[in-house]
Amino acid sequence: MTMTIEKPLAGRVAVVTGASRGIGRAAALALAGAGAHVVAVARTQGALEELDDAIQGVGSSATLVPLDLTDYDAIDRLGGAIDARWGKLDIVVGNAGILGALMPLGHITPKVWQQTIDINVTANWRLIRSLDPLLRRSDAGRAIFVTSGAAHKCKAYWGPYSISKAALDAMVRTYAAETETTPIRAMLLSPGPLRTAMRRSAMPGEDPETLKTPEDLAPHFVRLASPDWTESGKIFDFPTGQVLAFRPPE
């Protein structure tokens, strides 16, 4: 007797940024395993080709897009290419991000500040700007952006990262409000501490074996990307497994 493996994202097209390693790679593989065709965006061609091999290994397919997300014209061209090939987009995962520098605000150089804002905020706005018309053509457009608890903890020396993630949160919530009457659902996903290169850079003395992995998180991208997901403008907090609403200050 042959078992039928359910593919909840069969026939759907998903863009994943920062797809060559860490959370982005795990998300891309999970979405592909659920049946989606993955448009994998990252800077490194070699790592994208390794991802492509892994996606073929789970019986799916990918389109590889070597792209620096600060090349904003290229993000516009990506939207045009997706329009020409598929005429719509079902899922976007805005995962790519950088830590910036951990130091007092007064010591941050303008270059580091600008790089952090460019990648963590402006590139995601350009993604929304380019891909929103395509998401609106889907019967269930899903936009998922990776945030961080740093957005509200505002710890000393984490300024550029914390501030950029707070701006990302506000942007995605705004997008959720603007798409409330459409089939689009826009969510933030907070991974918490995971075994990634960024975490290792931020916490060099930490034992990585004590942390969960991007692969542990990955199934939740499938859940949030599925047509039956109904929440919007909220955070899925992976450490607690809860969907958190933003509340005004008391």
Protein backbone atom coordinates (compact mmCIF):
# COMPACT_ATOMS: atom_id res chain seq x y z
CA MET A 1 0.00 0.00 0.00
CA THR A 2 1.43 3.39 -1.05
CA MET A 3 1.27 6.20 1.49
CA THR A 4 0.35 9.67 0.17
CA ILE A 5 2.54 12.38 1.68
CA GLU A 6 0.60 15.59 2.19
CA LYS A 7 2.06 18.68 0.54
CA PRO A 8 0.17 21.65 2.05
CA LEU A 9 2.02 24.17 -0.14
CA ALA A 10 1.82 22.26 -3.43
CA GLY A 11 1.64 24.62 -6.42
CA ARG A 12 2.63 27.66 -4.35
CA VAL A 13 5.59 29.96 -5.03
CA ALA A 14 7.71 31.25 -2.15
CA VAL A 15 10.50 33.85 -2.02
CA VAL A 16 13.02 33.34 0.81
CA THR A 17 15.79 35.86 1.50
CA GLY A 18 19.00 34.91 3.25
CA ALA A 19 18.29 31.42 1.96
CA SER A 20 21.84 30.07 1.76
CA ARG A 21 22.41 29.33 5.46
CA GLY A 22 20.95 29.29 8.95
CA ILE A 23 17.27 30.11 9.41
CA GLY A 24 16.74 31.01 5.76
CA ARG A 25 18.14 27.73 4.48
CA ALA A 26 16.05 25.71 6.94
CA ALA A 27 12.94 27.70 6.00
CA ALA A 28 13.56 27.23 2.28
CA LEU A 29 13.98 23.47 2.71
CA ALA A 30 10.84 23.20 4.84
CA LEU A 31 8.74 25.16 2.37
CA ALA A 32 10.11 23.08 -0.50
CA GLY A 33 9.40 19.88 1.42
CA ALA A 34 5.81 21.07 1.83
CA GLY A 35 5.52 21.39 -1.95
CA ALA A 36 6.37 25.03 -2.67
CA HIS A 37 8.62 26.16 -5.49
CA VAL A 38 11.24 28.23 -3.70
CA VAL A 39 12.78 31.39 -5.15
CA ALA A 40 15.95 31.35 -3.07
CA VAL A 41 17.67 34.72 -2.62
CA ALA A 42 21.18 35.06 -1.16
CA ARG A 43 24.54 36.61 -1.98
CA THR A 44 26.54 33.37 -2.32
CA GLN A 45 26.12 31.38 -5.54
CA GLY A 46 27.91 28.27 -4.24
CA ALA A 47 25.76 28.02 -1.12
CA LEU A 48 22.62 28.53 -3.22
CA GLU A 49 23.66 25.63 -5.45
CA GLU A 50 24.09 23.42 -2.38
CA LEU A 51 20.60 24.45 -1.27
CA ASP A 52 19.27 23.59 -4.72
CA ASP A 53 20.69 20.08 -4.40
CA ALA A 54 19.03 19.70 -0.99
CA ILE A 55 15.68 20.96 -2.33
CA GLN A 56 15.84 18.48 -5.21
CA GLY A 57 16.56 15.85 -2.58
CA VAL A 58 13.17 16.52 -0.94
CA GLY A 59 11.44 16.24 -4.30
CA SER A 60 10.91 19.91 -5.03
CA SER A 61 12.45 22.64 -7.17
CA ALA A 62 14.01 26.06 -6.74
CA THR A 63 14.92 29.17 -8.67
CA LEU A 64 18.27 30.56 -7.51
CA VAL A 65 18.70 34.34 -7.28
CA PRO A 66 22.20 35.52 -6.32
CA LEU A 67 21.40 39.03 -5.11
CA ASP A 68 22.72 41.57 -2.63
CA LEU A 69 19.65 42.99 -0.92
CA THR A 70 21.14 46.48 -0.93
CA ASP A 71 20.82 46.34 -4.73
CA TYR A 72 17.30 47.73 -4.59
CA ASP A 73 16.91 47.89 -8.36
CA ALA A 74 17.56 44.13 -8.41
CA ILE A 75 14.71 43.64 -5.92
CA ASP A 76 12.44 45.48 -8.35
CA ARG A 77 13.68 43.26 -11.18
CA LEU A 78 12.94 40.19 -9.04
CA GLY A 79 9.31 41.27 -8.79
CA GLY A 80 9.17 41.73 -12.54
CA ALA A 81 10.70 38.31 -13.20
CA ILE A 82 8.24 36.58 -10.85
CA ASP A 83 5.38 38.44 -12.55
CA ALA A 84 6.58 37.31 -15.97
CA ARG A 85 6.98 33.66 -14.96
CA TRP A 86 4.12 33.03 -12.53
CA GLY A 87 1.94 36.15 -12.55
CA LYS A 88 1.59 36.00 -8.75
CA LEU A 89 3.43 35.15 -5.55
CA ASP A 90 2.05 33.17 -2.61
CA ILE A 91 4.70 33.50 0.10
CA VAL A 92 7.55 35.84 0.98
CA VAL A 93 9.92 35.13 3.86
CA GLY A 94 12.00 38.21 4.76
CA ASN A 95 14.74 36.51 6.73
CA ALA A 96 18.02 38.15 5.74
CA GLY A 97 19.46 40.37 8.46
CA ILE A 98 22.73 41.51 10.01
CA LEU A 99 23.75 42.09 13.61
CA GLY A 100 25.62 45.34 13.02
CA ALA A 101 28.02 46.23 15.84
CA LEU A 102 27.61 45.71 19.58
CA MET A 103 28.82 48.98 21.10
CA PRO A 104 27.47 52.23 22.59
CA LEU A 105 25.33 54.32 20.25
CA GLY A 106 27.84 57.14 20.37
CA HIS A 107 30.57 54.83 19.06
CA ILE A 108 28.64 53.40 16.10
CA THR A 109 30.06 54.57 12.79
CA PRO A 110 27.68 56.00 10.18
CA LYS A 111 28.70 53.16 7.84
CA VAL A 112 27.69 50.41 10.33
CA TRP A 113 24.44 52.24 11.15
CA GLN A 114 23.53 52.60 7.49
CA GLN A 115 24.39 48.98 6.63
CA THR A 116 22.19 47.67 9.45
CA ILE A 117 19.22 49.85 8.49
CA ASP A 118 19.72 49.09 4.78
CA ILE A 119 19.54 45.31 5.25
CA ASN A 120 17.19 44.94 8.22
CA VAL A 121 14.66 47.64 7.30
CA THR A 122 14.98 49.20 3.86
CA ALA A 123 15.54 45.94 1.97
CA ASN A 124 12.39 44.49 3.53
CA TRP A 125 10.43 47.61 2.60
CA ARG A 126 11.71 47.26 -0.96
CA LEU A 127 10.61 43.59 -0.93
CA ILE A 128 7.11 44.63 0.14
CA ARG A 129 7.07 47.41 -2.46
CA SER A 130 8.13 45.05 -5.24
CA LEU A 131 6.17 41.94 -4.27
CA ASP A 132 2.92 43.32 -2.80
CA PRO A 133 1.10 43.45 -6.18
CA LEU A 134 2.02 39.78 -6.72
CA LEU A 135 0.93 38.71 -3.23
CA ARG A 136 -2.42 40.41 -3.85
CA ARG A 137 -2.97 38.10 -6.84
CA SER A 138 -2.59 35.01 -4.66
CA ASP A 139 -5.67 33.42 -3.12
CA ALA A 140 -3.75 33.39 0.20
CA GLY A 141 -0.69 35.65 0.14
CA ARG A 142 1.56 35.15 3.17
CA ALA A 143 4.31 37.55 4.26
CA ILE A 144 6.58 36.39 7.09
CA PHE A 145 9.39 38.55 8.45
CA VAL A 146 11.98 37.41 10.99
CA THR A 147 12.18 39.73 13.99
CA SER A 148 13.87 39.51 17.38
CA GLY A 149 13.17 40.03 21.06
CA ALA A 150 15.87 42.72 20.79
CA ALA A 151 13.21 44.96 19.23
CA HIS A 152 11.60 45.56 22.61
CA LYS A 153 14.34 44.61 25.10
CA CYS A 154 16.50 47.59 24.06
CA LYS A 155 19.60 46.28 25.84
CA ALA A 156 22.75 48.38 26.12
CA TYR A 157 25.10 48.16 23.11
CA TRP A 158 22.57 46.44 20.83
CA GLY A 159 21.38 49.75 19.36
CA PRO A 160 21.49 49.32 15.56
CA TYR A 161 20.09 45.77 15.66
CA SER A 162 17.44 46.53 18.27
CA ILE A 163 16.33 49.74 16.55
CA SER A 164 16.23 48.16 13.10
CA LYS A 165 14.11 45.24 14.33
CA ALA A 166 11.71 47.64 16.10
CA ALA A 167 11.33 49.49 12.78
CA LEU A 168 10.74 46.17 10.98
CA ASP A 169 8.01 45.30 13.50
CA ALA A 170 6.26 48.64 12.88
CA MET A 171 6.53 48.20 9.12
CA VAL A 172 5.05 44.69 9.08
CA ARG A 173 2.23 45.72 11.40
CA THR A 174 1.51 48.65 9.08
CA TYR A 175 1.49 46.29 6.10
CA ALA A 176 -0.89 43.97 7.95
CA ALA A 177 -3.26 46.89 8.58
CA GLU A 178 -3.11 47.91 4.92
CA THR A 179 -3.92 44.38 3.72
CA GLU A 180 -6.58 43.60 6.34
CA THR A 181 -9.37 43.33 3.77
CA THR A 182 -7.30 41.23 1.33
CA PRO A 183 -6.33 37.54 1.41
CA ILE A 184 -2.81 38.57 2.56
CA ARG A 185 -1.67 37.77 6.10
CA ALA A 186 1.52 39.45 7.34
CA MET A 187 3.28 38.02 10.38
CA LEU A 188 6.47 38.52 12.38
CA LEU A 189 8.35 35.47 13.59
CA SER A 190 10.66 35.73 16.62
CA PRO A 191 13.02 32.73 16.70
CA GLY A 192 14.60 33.36 20.09
CA PRO A 193 18.09 31.96 20.70
CA LEU A 194 19.04 29.53 17.93
CA ARG A 195 22.26 27.85 16.87
CA THR A 196 23.23 30.27 14.08
CA ALA A 197 26.33 32.14 12.99
CA MET A 198 24.77 35.45 14.07
CA ARG A 199 24.07 34.09 17.55
CA ARG A 200 27.63 32.78 17.79
CA SER A 201 28.95 36.21 16.86
CA ALA A 202 26.76 37.95 19.44
CA MET A 203 27.31 35.41 22.24
CA PRO A 204 30.78 33.87 21.68
CA GLY A 205 30.96 32.25 25.15
CA GLU A 206 27.64 30.42 24.82
CA ASP A 207 27.48 26.64 24.41
CA PRO A 208 25.68 26.15 21.07
CA GLU A 209 24.61 22.65 22.12
CA THR A 210 22.20 24.25 24.61
CA LEU A 211 20.28 25.96 21.80
CA LYS A 212 17.57 24.80 19.44
CA THR A 213 18.41 24.76 15.74
CA PRO A 214 16.99 26.46 12.65
CA GLU A 215 15.63 23.05 11.67
CA ASP A 216 13.58 23.00 14.88
CA LEU A 217 12.04 26.33 13.87
CA ALA A 218 11.51 25.53 10.19
CA PRO A 219 8.10 23.77 10.39
CA HIS A 220 6.59 26.98 11.74
CA PHE A 221 7.39 28.78 8.49
CA VAL A 222 5.23 26.17 6.74
CA ARG A 223 2.47 26.75 9.28
CA LEU A 224 2.52 30.55 8.87
CA ALA A 225 2.76 30.22 5.06
CA SER A 226 -0.22 27.89 4.75
CA PRO A 227 -3.50 29.12 3.24
CA ASP A 228 -5.34 28.17 6.45
CA TRP A 229 -3.26 30.55 8.61
CA THR A 230 -5.59 33.40 9.68
CA GLU A 231 -3.67 35.69 12.06
CA SER A 232 -2.10 38.92 10.80
CA GLY A 233 -0.12 41.78 12.29
CA LYS A 234 1.12 39.68 15.21
CA ILE A 235 4.29 37.91 16.37
CA PHE A 236 4.72 34.17 16.46
CA ASP A 237 7.12 33.69 19.38
CA PHE A 238 8.96 30.41 18.83
CA PRO A 239 10.40 30.03 22.37
CA THR A 240 6.89 30.03 23.89
CA GLY A 241 4.95 28.75 20.88
CA GLN A 242 2.50 31.62 21.29
CA VAL A 243 1.01 34.15 18.89
CA LEU A 244 1.45 37.52 20.60
CA ALA A 245 -0.63 40.60 19.92
CA PHE A 246 0.92 44.04 20.28
CA ARG A 247 -0.64 45.93 23.12
CA PRO A 248 -0.59 49.71 23.75
CA PRO A 249 1.30 50.84 26.85
CA GLU A 250 -0.73 50.97 30.05
